[in-house]
N, C-alpha and C. Protein backbone atom coordinates (compact mmCIF):
# COMPACT_ATOMS: atom_id res chain seq x y z
N MET A 1 276.84 169.59 201.54
CA MET A 1 276.23 168.54 200.44
C MET A 1 277.39 167.07 201.35
N LYS A 2 276.47 165.57 201.63
CA LYS A 2 277.84 164.91 202.33
C LYS A 2 278.90 164.52 201.30
N LYS A 3 279.34 163.88 201.58
CA LYS A 3 280.30 163.06 201.10
C LYS A 3 280.33 162.89 199.99
N GLY A 4 280.22 162.52 198.59
CA GLY A 4 280.35 161.12 197.62
C GLY A 4 279.42 161.84 197.07
N GLU A 5 277.99 163.02 197.31
CA GLU A 5 277.08 163.10 196.53
C GLU A 5 277.24 164.62 195.57
N THR A 6 276.37 164.36 194.78
CA THR A 6 276.26 165.26 193.82
C THR A 6 275.29 166.27 194.03
N GLU A 7 275.55 167.73 193.32
CA GLU A 7 274.78 168.60 193.04
C GLU A 7 273.00 167.63 193.07
N ALA A 8 273.36 167.24 191.97
CA ALA A 8 272.38 166.83 191.88
C ALA A 8 271.59 165.68 192.54
N GLU A 9 272.15 165.44 193.39
CA GLU A 9 271.31 164.42 194.05
C GLU A 9 271.15 165.45 195.80
N GLY A 10 271.37 166.77 195.87
CA GLY A 10 270.79 167.34 196.91
C GLY A 10 271.87 168.01 197.70
N THR A 11 271.07 168.80 198.24
CA THR A 11 271.97 169.74 199.39
C THR A 11 271.89 168.88 200.36
N ALA A 12 272.38 168.36 201.61
CA ALA A 12 272.41 168.41 203.25
C ALA A 12 272.49 169.71 203.40
N VAL A 13 271.37 169.63 204.58
CA VAL A 13 271.12 171.41 206.14
C VAL A 13 271.39 170.54 207.13
N GLN A 14 272.60 171.02 207.87
CA GLN A 14 272.65 171.09 209.21
C GLN A 14 272.90 171.52 209.74
N ASP A 15 272.92 171.77 211.61
CA ASP A 15 272.66 172.44 212.09
C ASP A 15 271.72 173.72 212.05
N TYR A 16 270.37 173.48 211.90
CA TYR A 16 269.08 174.14 211.35
C TYR A 16 268.18 175.12 212.91
N SER A 17 268.92 176.07 212.11
CA SER A 17 267.57 177.06 213.58
C SER A 17 266.16 177.40 212.82
N LEU A 18 264.83 177.75 213.49
CA LEU A 18 263.92 178.70 212.37
C LEU A 18 263.66 179.83 213.90
N PHE A 19 264.40 180.90 213.62
CA PHE A 19 264.17 182.01 214.17
C PHE A 19 262.33 183.25 214.06
N PHE A 20 261.57 183.39 215.15
CA PHE A 20 261.14 183.80 214.86
C PHE A 20 261.08 184.90 215.42
N SER A 21 260.86 186.67 214.76
CA SER A 21 261.65 188.14 214.79
C SER A 21 260.33 188.87 214.43
N ALA A 22 260.03 190.03 215.77
CA ALA A 22 259.38 190.84 215.79
C ALA A 22 259.55 192.26 216.92
N ARG A 23 259.18 193.03 216.51
CA ARG A 23 259.47 195.15 216.89
C ARG A 23 258.06 194.34 217.79
N VAL A 24 258.49 194.35 219.43
CA VAL A 24 257.50 195.15 219.97
C VAL A 24 257.64 195.81 221.39
N GLY A 25 257.39 196.84 221.03
CA GLY A 25 257.00 198.45 221.79
C GLY A 25 258.21 198.90 220.93
N GLY A 26 259.32 198.61 220.15
CA GLY A 26 259.69 199.48 220.07
C GLY A 26 261.30 198.71 219.95
N THR A 27 261.15 197.16 220.49
CA THR A 27 262.28 196.57 220.52
C THR A 27 262.31 194.94 219.86
N GLU A 28 263.75 194.89 219.25
CA GLU A 28 263.70 193.71 218.44
C GLU A 28 263.61 192.22 219.29
N THR A 29 262.73 191.46 218.99
CA THR A 29 262.69 190.15 220.29
C THR A 29 263.12 189.46 218.92
N ARG A 30 263.90 188.36 219.27
CA ARG A 30 263.75 187.35 218.17
C ARG A 30 264.08 186.19 219.65
N GLN A 31 263.18 185.19 218.64
CA GLN A 31 262.62 183.63 219.03
C GLN A 31 263.93 182.88 219.02
N LEU A 32 263.77 181.52 219.26
CA LEU A 32 264.19 180.47 218.43
C LEU A 32 263.00 179.04 218.77
N LEU A 33 262.30 179.06 217.71
CA LEU A 33 260.59 178.15 217.56
C LEU A 33 261.97 176.49 217.28
N VAL A 34 262.33 176.25 216.41
CA VAL A 34 262.84 174.67 216.23
C VAL A 34 264.05 174.58 215.55
N THR A 35 265.34 173.84 216.55
CA THR A 35 266.09 173.43 215.37
C THR A 35 266.57 172.15 215.59
N HIS A 36 267.62 172.00 214.55
CA HIS A 36 267.55 170.40 213.66
C HIS A 36 269.04 170.10 214.38
N PRO A 37 270.25 169.01 214.21
CA PRO A 37 271.03 168.50 214.35
C PRO A 37 271.44 168.84 212.36
N ALA A 38 270.34 167.52 212.18
CA ALA A 38 270.40 167.05 210.51
C ALA A 38 269.39 166.96 210.45
N PHE A 39 268.50 166.43 208.89
CA PHE A 39 267.55 166.51 208.19
C PHE A 39 267.29 165.04 207.03
N ASP A 40 266.77 164.35 207.45
CA ASP A 40 266.78 163.08 207.10
C ASP A 40 265.36 163.10 205.83
N ASP A 41 265.59 163.54 204.56
CA ASP A 41 264.64 163.47 203.50
C ASP A 41 263.77 164.32 203.74
N GLU A 42 263.51 165.77 204.68
CA GLU A 42 262.44 165.85 205.20
C GLU A 42 263.28 167.88 205.58
N MET A 43 262.04 167.95 206.00
CA MET A 43 262.38 170.06 205.99
C MET A 43 261.38 170.78 206.89
N ILE A 44 261.57 171.28 207.59
CA ILE A 44 260.68 172.25 208.07
C ILE A 44 260.12 172.83 207.42
N ASP A 45 258.62 171.97 207.29
CA ASP A 45 257.37 173.84 207.23
C ASP A 45 256.90 174.40 207.90
N ILE A 46 256.43 175.33 207.24
CA ILE A 46 255.02 176.48 207.99
C ILE A 46 254.05 176.24 207.40
N LEU A 47 253.32 176.02 208.20
CA LEU A 47 251.49 175.71 207.79
C LEU A 47 250.90 176.98 207.96
N PHE A 48 251.49 177.34 208.71
CA PHE A 48 249.98 178.57 209.17
C PHE A 48 251.02 179.93 209.46
N VAL A 49 250.68 180.72 209.07
CA VAL A 49 250.23 181.70 210.31
C VAL A 49 248.88 183.11 210.13
N GLY A 50 249.19 183.18 211.10
CA GLY A 50 247.42 183.71 211.51
C GLY A 50 247.26 184.43 212.74
N ASP A 51 246.48 184.88 213.59
CA ASP A 51 245.73 185.53 214.71
C ASP A 51 244.79 183.92 215.25
N LEU A 52 245.18 183.24 215.53
CA LEU A 52 244.03 181.98 216.13
C LEU A 52 243.56 182.36 217.47
N ASP A 53 244.44 183.41 218.64
CA ASP A 53 243.79 182.84 219.47
C ASP A 53 242.99 184.98 220.20
N GLY A 54 243.50 185.53 218.95
CA GLY A 54 242.46 187.06 218.99
C GLY A 54 243.21 188.45 220.31
N ASP A 55 244.69 187.38 219.82
CA ASP A 55 244.83 188.98 220.59
C ASP A 55 246.15 190.21 219.53
N SER A 56 245.13 189.86 218.02
CA SER A 56 246.01 190.69 216.31
C SER A 56 247.45 190.47 217.04
N ILE A 57 247.85 188.96 217.77
CA ILE A 57 249.46 189.26 217.29
C ILE A 57 249.56 187.71 216.39
N PRO A 58 250.60 187.25 215.36
CA PRO A 58 250.59 186.26 214.02
C PRO A 58 250.47 184.94 215.92
N ASP A 59 250.27 183.94 215.23
CA ASP A 59 250.23 183.08 216.04
C ASP A 59 250.61 181.89 214.44
N VAL A 60 251.77 180.75 214.75
CA VAL A 60 252.29 180.19 214.09
C VAL A 60 251.81 178.64 214.30
N ILE A 61 251.81 177.06 213.36
CA ILE A 61 251.91 175.74 212.84
C ILE A 61 252.66 175.46 212.24
N ILE A 62 253.47 174.59 212.65
CA ILE A 62 254.64 174.25 212.15
C ILE A 62 255.07 172.91 212.20
N ASN A 63 255.65 171.95 210.85
CA ASN A 63 256.07 171.50 211.16
C ASN A 63 257.18 170.63 211.20
N LYS A 64 258.13 170.61 212.04
CA LYS A 64 259.04 170.43 213.19
C LYS A 64 259.37 168.86 212.60
N SER A 65 259.35 167.70 212.20
CA SER A 65 259.57 166.79 211.17
C SER A 65 261.29 166.85 210.71
N ASN A 66 262.54 166.24 211.32
CA ASN A 66 263.21 166.58 210.25
C ASN A 66 264.06 164.82 209.46
N HIS A 67 262.44 163.67 209.14
CA HIS A 67 262.50 162.44 209.76
C HIS A 67 261.50 162.05 207.86
N TYR A 68 261.77 162.03 206.94
CA TYR A 68 260.81 161.94 206.17
C TYR A 68 259.15 160.93 206.54
N ASN A 69 259.85 159.82 207.72
CA ASN A 69 258.83 159.32 208.43
C ASN A 69 258.56 159.57 209.22
N VAL A 70 257.75 160.96 209.82
CA VAL A 70 257.30 160.96 210.72
C VAL A 70 256.71 162.81 210.22
N THR A 71 255.51 163.25 210.81
CA THR A 71 255.08 164.51 211.02
C THR A 71 255.19 163.81 211.94
N ASN A 72 255.17 166.08 212.92
CA ASN A 72 254.68 166.62 213.69
C ASN A 72 254.71 168.83 213.70
N PRO A 73 253.75 168.00 213.57
CA PRO A 73 253.14 169.49 213.14
C PRO A 73 253.24 170.14 214.76
N ALA A 74 253.14 171.73 215.23
CA ALA A 74 253.55 171.88 216.13
C ALA A 74 252.51 173.54 216.74
N LEU A 75 252.01 173.36 217.31
CA LEU A 75 251.07 174.69 217.02
C LEU A 75 251.69 175.91 218.54
N PHE A 76 252.05 177.04 217.81
CA PHE A 76 252.53 178.42 218.42
C PHE A 76 252.16 179.11 218.70
N LEU A 77 250.87 179.42 219.79
CA LEU A 77 250.43 180.86 220.69
C LEU A 77 251.18 181.76 220.92
N SER A 78 251.04 183.06 220.26
CA SER A 78 251.01 184.58 221.53
C SER A 78 251.15 184.80 222.79
N LYS A 79 249.40 184.28 222.49
CA LYS A 79 248.87 184.51 224.37
C LYS A 79 249.41 184.37 225.53
N PRO A 80 249.94 183.50 225.25
CA PRO A 80 250.51 182.61 226.86
C PRO A 80 252.10 183.07 226.78
N ALA A 81 252.39 182.62 225.41
CA ALA A 81 253.96 183.67 225.61
C ALA A 81 254.69 184.14 226.93
N GLY A 82 255.19 184.31 227.46
CA GLY A 82 255.52 184.44 228.02
C GLY A 82 256.62 185.95 228.32
N LYS A 83 256.92 186.61 229.30
CA LYS A 83 258.04 187.79 228.76
C LYS A 83 259.14 188.31 228.33
N GLY A 84 259.42 188.56 227.30
CA GLY A 84 259.86 188.71 226.40
C GLY A 84 260.18 187.43 225.67
N THR A 85 259.19 186.38 225.08
CA THR A 85 259.11 185.27 224.11
C THR A 85 257.79 186.80 223.20
N LEU A 86 257.87 186.19 222.96
CA LEU A 86 257.02 185.96 221.13
C LEU A 86 255.66 185.15 221.33
N LEU A 87 256.44 183.67 221.83
CA LEU A 87 255.26 182.34 221.07
C LEU A 87 255.74 181.23 222.37
N LYS A 88 254.28 180.49 222.27
CA LYS A 88 254.46 179.92 223.44
C LYS A 88 254.42 178.62 222.36
N GLU A 89 254.49 178.07 222.33
CA GLU A 89 254.53 175.98 221.70
C GLU A 89 253.54 175.51 222.73
N VAL A 90 252.43 175.44 222.67
CA VAL A 90 251.26 174.81 223.60
C VAL A 90 250.77 173.16 222.86
N GLY A 91 250.95 172.96 222.15
CA GLY A 91 250.46 171.50 221.46
C GLY A 91 251.87 171.09 220.50
N GLU A 92 251.57 170.09 219.86
CA GLU A 92 252.35 169.53 218.91
C GLU A 92 251.48 168.02 219.07
N HIS A 93 251.41 167.20 217.81
CA HIS A 93 251.48 165.73 217.52
C HIS A 93 251.95 165.39 216.69
N ARG A 94 253.19 164.23 216.97
CA ARG A 94 254.13 163.42 216.26
C ARG A 94 253.09 162.19 215.40
N SER A 95 253.25 161.33 214.89
CA SER A 95 252.83 160.75 214.46
C SER A 95 253.95 159.83 213.07
N ILE A 96 254.38 159.07 213.33
CA ILE A 96 255.93 157.76 212.71
C ILE A 96 254.80 156.52 212.30
N GLY A 97 254.81 156.91 210.73
CA GLY A 97 254.93 155.91 209.59
C GLY A 97 255.10 154.55 209.99
N CYS A 98 255.09 153.46 209.04
CA CYS A 98 254.68 152.25 208.44
C CYS A 98 256.37 151.73 209.13
């Protein structure tokens, strides 16, 4: 919690990291997808998990925003991922409110 904040007001999340892990060919692979030092009334949202690129491996859409006035969905696909990685971010759209 932030200094002076009560539990009813909420908990401050700091040094946040979102990892995606899977066992591929008998080897556990763990990949960092999103990291933020802090949040301002917003939290990472996993919007979709499913196979979008047809390779039978899950792809994800994540709202990477850490600010209440920003929306930042990003598409991570498995097919273009390089060796030793599970997903590759192939696009995002950042929009800011007024």
